[in-house]
Amino acid sequence: QVQLVESGGGLVQPGGPLKLSCAAPGLMIDNNAMAWFRQAPGKERQFVAVISGSGSTTYFTDSVKGRFTISRDNARNTVYLQMNSLKPEDTAVYYCAAGPSLGNLVLTRVPNYDYWGQGTQVTVSS
């Protein structure tokens, strides 16, 4: 059973940065598309960002474009989500997910992904 492990969450003031990490023991991430989702209280889990298996394609939900970046370090088998200019509406539990590599095609739905982490809480508040 593959279990992804997120870290880096916490409390940050509006406008501040935070960097999340996702380690993938037991999974070679260079064979997978890697994504981040988030879930706020009382809401469905929503897509945030994805990086293709090749690393050449990234895609973001509109609300984080220009503020978040996603990257991968295949040597460390780790994926990162750099979040800048954070807003209170970014508050959520953030989940890392791994799915099939489809070249430069990226997928944004929860059912597209096979493996998930336990989530890390991000709270943006003054």
C-alpha atoms as a PDB file:
ATOM      1  CA  GLN A   1       0.000   0.000   0.000  1.00  0.00           C
ATOM      2  CA  VAL A   2       1.538   3.271  -1.128  1.00  0.00           C
ATOM      3  CA  GLN A   3       1.098   6.152   1.293  1.00  0.00           C
ATOM      4  CA  LEU A   4       2.208   9.624   0.387  1.00  0.00           C
ATOM      5  CA  VAL A   5       3.438  11.858   3.214  1.00  0.00           C
ATOM      6  CA  GLU A   6       2.773  15.605   3.216  1.00  0.00           C
ATOM      7  CA  SER A   7       4.572  18.105   5.416  1.00  0.00           C
ATOM      8  CA  GLY A   8       5.084  21.835   5.734  1.00  0.00           C
ATOM      9  CA  GLY A   9       1.618  22.990   6.692  1.00  0.00           C
ATOM     10  CA  GLY A  10       0.953  25.484   9.443  1.00  0.00           C
ATOM     11  CA  LEU A  11      -0.359  28.905  10.367  1.00  0.00           C
ATOM     12  CA  VAL A  12       0.690  31.822   8.174  1.00  0.00           C
ATOM     13  CA  GLN A  13      -0.384  35.448   7.948  1.00  0.00           C
ATOM     14  CA  PRO A  14      -2.177  36.734   4.859  1.00  0.00           C
ATOM     15  CA  GLY A  15       0.328  37.604   2.162  1.00  0.00           C
ATOM     16  CA  GLY A  16       2.916  35.205   3.503  1.00  0.00           C
ATOM     17  CA  PRO A  17       4.538  32.158   1.894  1.00  0.00           C
ATOM     18  CA  LEU A  18       4.466  28.489   2.749  1.00  0.00           C
ATOM     19  CA  LYS A  19       6.056  25.491   1.074  1.00  0.00           C
ATOM     20  CA  LEU A  20       4.510  22.043   1.216  1.00  0.00           C
ATOM     21  CA  SER A  21       6.408  18.836   0.557  1.00  0.00           C
ATOM     22  CA  CYS A  22       5.151  15.425  -0.463  1.00  0.00           C
ATOM     23  CA  ALA A  23       7.381  12.400   0.006  1.00  0.00           C
ATOM     24  CA  ALA A  24       6.522   9.179  -1.748  1.00  0.00           C
ATOM     25  CA  PRO A  25       8.166   6.164  -0.127  1.00  0.00           C
ATOM     26  CA  GLY A  26       7.536   3.048  -2.136  1.00  0.00           C
ATOM     27  CA  LEU A  27       6.573   4.947  -5.282  1.00  0.00           C
ATOM     28  CA  MET A  28       8.771   6.209  -8.103  1.00  0.00           C
ATOM     29  CA  ILE A  29       7.259   9.612  -8.739  1.00  0.00           C
ATOM     30  CA  ASP A  30       8.944   9.987 -12.106  1.00  0.00           C
ATOM     31  CA  ASN A  31       6.466   7.401 -13.370  1.00  0.00           C
ATOM     32  CA  ASN A  32       3.509   9.384 -12.091  1.00  0.00           C
ATOM     33  CA  ALA A  33       1.673  12.621 -12.486  1.00  0.00           C
ATOM     34  CA  MET A  34       1.680  14.333  -9.089  1.00  0.00           C
ATOM     35  CA  ALA A  35      -1.021  16.692  -7.892  1.00  0.00           C
ATOM     36  CA  TRP A  36      -2.168  18.754  -4.954  1.00  0.00           C
ATOM     37  CA  PHE A  37      -5.770  19.039  -3.854  1.00  0.00           C
ATOM     38  CA  ARG A  38      -7.311  20.879  -0.929  1.00  0.00           C
ATOM     39  CA  GLN A  39     -10.421  20.552   1.165  1.00  0.00           C
ATOM     40  CA  ALA A  40     -11.919  23.311   3.260  1.00  0.00           C
ATOM     41  CA  PRO A  41     -14.393  22.527   6.070  1.00  0.00           C
ATOM     42  CA  GLY A  42     -17.787  21.597   4.681  1.00  0.00           C
ATOM     43  CA  LYS A  43     -16.568  21.587   1.075  1.00  0.00           C
ATOM     44  CA  GLU A  44     -15.563  18.967  -1.433  1.00  0.00           C
ATOM     45  CA  ARG A  45     -11.934  18.179  -2.147  1.00  0.00           C
ATOM     46  CA  GLN A  46     -10.791  20.434  -4.983  1.00  0.00           C
ATOM     47  CA  PHE A  47      -7.943  20.414  -7.452  1.00  0.00           C
ATOM     48  CA  VAL A  48      -5.105  22.885  -6.871  1.00  0.00           C
ATOM     49  CA  ALA A  49      -2.117  21.993  -9.069  1.00  0.00           C
ATOM     50  CA  VAL A  50      -0.556  19.161 -11.053  1.00  0.00           C
ATOM     51  CA  ILE A  51       2.777  18.377 -12.634  1.00  0.00           C
ATOM     52  CA  SER A  52       3.001  15.816 -15.408  1.00  0.00           C
ATOM     53  CA  GLY A  53       5.058  12.660 -15.209  1.00  0.00           C
ATOM     54  CA  SER A  54       7.685  14.214 -17.443  1.00  0.00           C
ATOM     55  CA  GLY A  55       7.701  17.402 -15.407  1.00  0.00           C
ATOM     56  CA  SER A  56       7.266  19.463 -18.542  1.00  0.00           C
ATOM     57  CA  THR A  57       3.629  20.393 -17.940  1.00  0.00           C
ATOM     58  CA  THR A  58       2.058  22.106 -14.959  1.00  0.00           C
ATOM     59  CA  TYR A  59      -1.496  23.280 -14.479  1.00  0.00           C
ATOM     60  CA  PHE A  60      -3.199  25.268 -11.742  1.00  0.00           C
ATOM     61  CA  THR A  61      -6.697  26.088 -10.714  1.00  0.00           C
ATOM     62  CA  ASP A  62      -7.526  29.688 -11.596  1.00  0.00           C
ATOM     63  CA  SER A  63      -7.631  30.935  -8.019  1.00  0.00           C
ATOM     64  CA  VAL A  64      -3.942  30.121  -7.391  1.00  0.00           C
ATOM     65  CA  LYS A  65      -2.416  30.972 -10.775  1.00  0.00           C
ATOM     66  CA  GLY A  66       0.485  33.354 -10.386  1.00  0.00           C
ATOM     67  CA  ARG A  67       0.762  32.623  -6.655  1.00  0.00           C
ATOM     68  CA  PHE A  68       1.493  28.886  -6.426  1.00  0.00           C
ATOM     69  CA  THR A  69       4.139  26.809  -8.160  1.00  0.00           C
ATOM     70  CA  ILE A  70       4.550  23.041  -8.260  1.00  0.00           C
ATOM     71  CA  SER A  71       7.832  21.248  -8.739  1.00  0.00           C
ATOM     72  CA  ARG A  72       9.328  17.816  -8.372  1.00  0.00           C
ATOM     73  CA  ASP A  73      12.702  16.433  -7.367  1.00  0.00           C
ATOM     74  CA  ASN A  74      12.830  12.926  -8.748  1.00  0.00           C
ATOM     75  CA  ALA A  75      16.158  12.218  -7.057  1.00  0.00           C
ATOM     76  CA  ARG A  76      14.510  12.869  -3.678  1.00  0.00           C
ATOM     77  CA  ASN A  77      11.222  11.329  -4.802  1.00  0.00           C
ATOM     78  CA  THR A  78       9.499  14.462  -3.544  1.00  0.00           C
ATOM     79  CA  VAL A  79       6.995  16.966  -4.900  1.00  0.00           C
ATOM     80  CA  TYR A  80       6.666  20.539  -3.667  1.00  0.00           C
ATOM     81  CA  LEU A  81       3.954  23.175  -3.632  1.00  0.00           C
ATOM     82  CA  GLN A  82       5.297  26.682  -3.136  1.00  0.00           C
ATOM     83  CA  MET A  83       2.492  28.974  -2.050  1.00  0.00           C
ATOM     84  CA  ASN A  84       3.004  32.740  -2.084  1.00  0.00           C
ATOM     85  CA  SER A  85       0.707  35.673  -1.355  1.00  0.00           C
ATOM     86  CA  LEU A  86      -1.536  33.427   0.687  1.00  0.00           C
ATOM     87  CA  LYS A  87      -5.120  34.465   1.323  1.00  0.00           C
ATOM     88  CA  PRO A  88      -7.564  33.409   4.044  1.00  0.00           C
ATOM     89  CA  GLU A  89      -9.545  31.542   1.391  1.00  0.00           C
ATOM     90  CA  ASP A  90      -6.530  29.279   0.851  1.00  0.00           C
ATOM     91  CA  THR A  91      -7.162  27.807   4.293  1.00  0.00           C
ATOM     92  CA  ALA A  92      -7.742  24.069   3.916  1.00  0.00           C
ATOM     93  CA  VAL A  93      -6.265  20.645   4.380  1.00  0.00           C
ATOM     94  CA  TYR A  94      -3.887  20.068   1.486  1.00  0.00           C
ATOM     95  CA  TYR A  95      -3.504  16.596   0.018  1.00  0.00           C
ATOM     96  CA  CYS A  96      -0.844  15.184  -2.261  1.00  0.00           C
ATOM     97  CA  ALA A  97      -1.900  12.632  -4.877  1.00  0.00           C
ATOM     98  CA  ALA A  98      -0.217  10.387  -7.440  1.00  0.00           C
ATOM     99  CA  GLY A  99      -1.790   9.230 -10.656  1.00  0.00           C
ATOM    100  CA  PRO A 100      -0.912   7.681 -14.007  1.00  0.00           C
ATOM    101  CA  SER A 101       1.579   9.434 -16.222  1.00  0.00           C
ATOM    102  CA  LEU A 102      -0.098  10.407 -19.497  1.00  0.00           C
ATOM    103  CA  GLY A 103       2.704  12.294 -21.180  1.00  0.00           C
ATOM    104  CA  ASN A 104       1.856  15.976 -21.172  1.00  0.00           C
ATOM    105  CA  LEU A 105      -1.809  15.375 -20.446  1.00  0.00           C
ATOM    106  CA  VAL A 106      -2.786  16.294 -16.897  1.00  0.00           C
ATOM    107  CA  LEU A 107      -5.903  15.328 -14.972  1.00  0.00           C
ATOM    108  CA  THR A 108      -7.708  17.354 -12.343  1.00  0.00           C
ATOM    109  CA  ARG A 109     -10.372  15.135 -10.835  1.00  0.00           C
ATOM    110  CA  VAL A 110     -10.128  13.229  -7.548  1.00  0.00           C
ATOM    111  CA  PRO A 111     -11.026   9.829  -9.125  1.00  0.00           C
ATOM    112  CA  ASN A 112      -8.103  10.191 -11.563  1.00  0.00           C
ATOM    113  CA  TYR A 113      -5.601   9.643  -8.742  1.00  0.00           C
ATOM    114  CA  ASP A 114      -4.666   6.333  -7.179  1.00  0.00           C
ATOM    115  CA  TYR A 115      -2.581   7.241  -4.144  1.00  0.00           C
ATOM    116  CA  TRP A 116      -3.119   9.899  -1.513  1.00  0.00           C
ATOM    117  CA  GLY A 117      -1.483  11.323   1.566  1.00  0.00           C
ATOM    118  CA  GLN A 118      -3.108  11.999   4.915  1.00  0.00           C
ATOM    119  CA  GLY A 119      -3.164  15.758   4.376  1.00  0.00           C
ATOM    120  CA  THR A 120      -1.533  18.758   6.027  1.00  0.00           C
ATOM    121  CA  GLN A 121      -3.428  21.719   7.464  1.00  0.00           C
ATOM    122  CA  VAL A 122      -2.786  25.194   6.068  1.00  0.00           C
ATOM    123  CA  THR A 123      -4.350  28.092   7.937  1.00  0.00           C
ATOM    124  CA  VAL A 124      -4.060  31.647   6.652  1.00  0.00           C
ATOM    125  CA  SER A 125      -5.046  34.098   9.336  1.00  0.00           C
ATOM    126  CA  SER A 126      -3.844  37.217  11.093  1.00  0.00           C
END
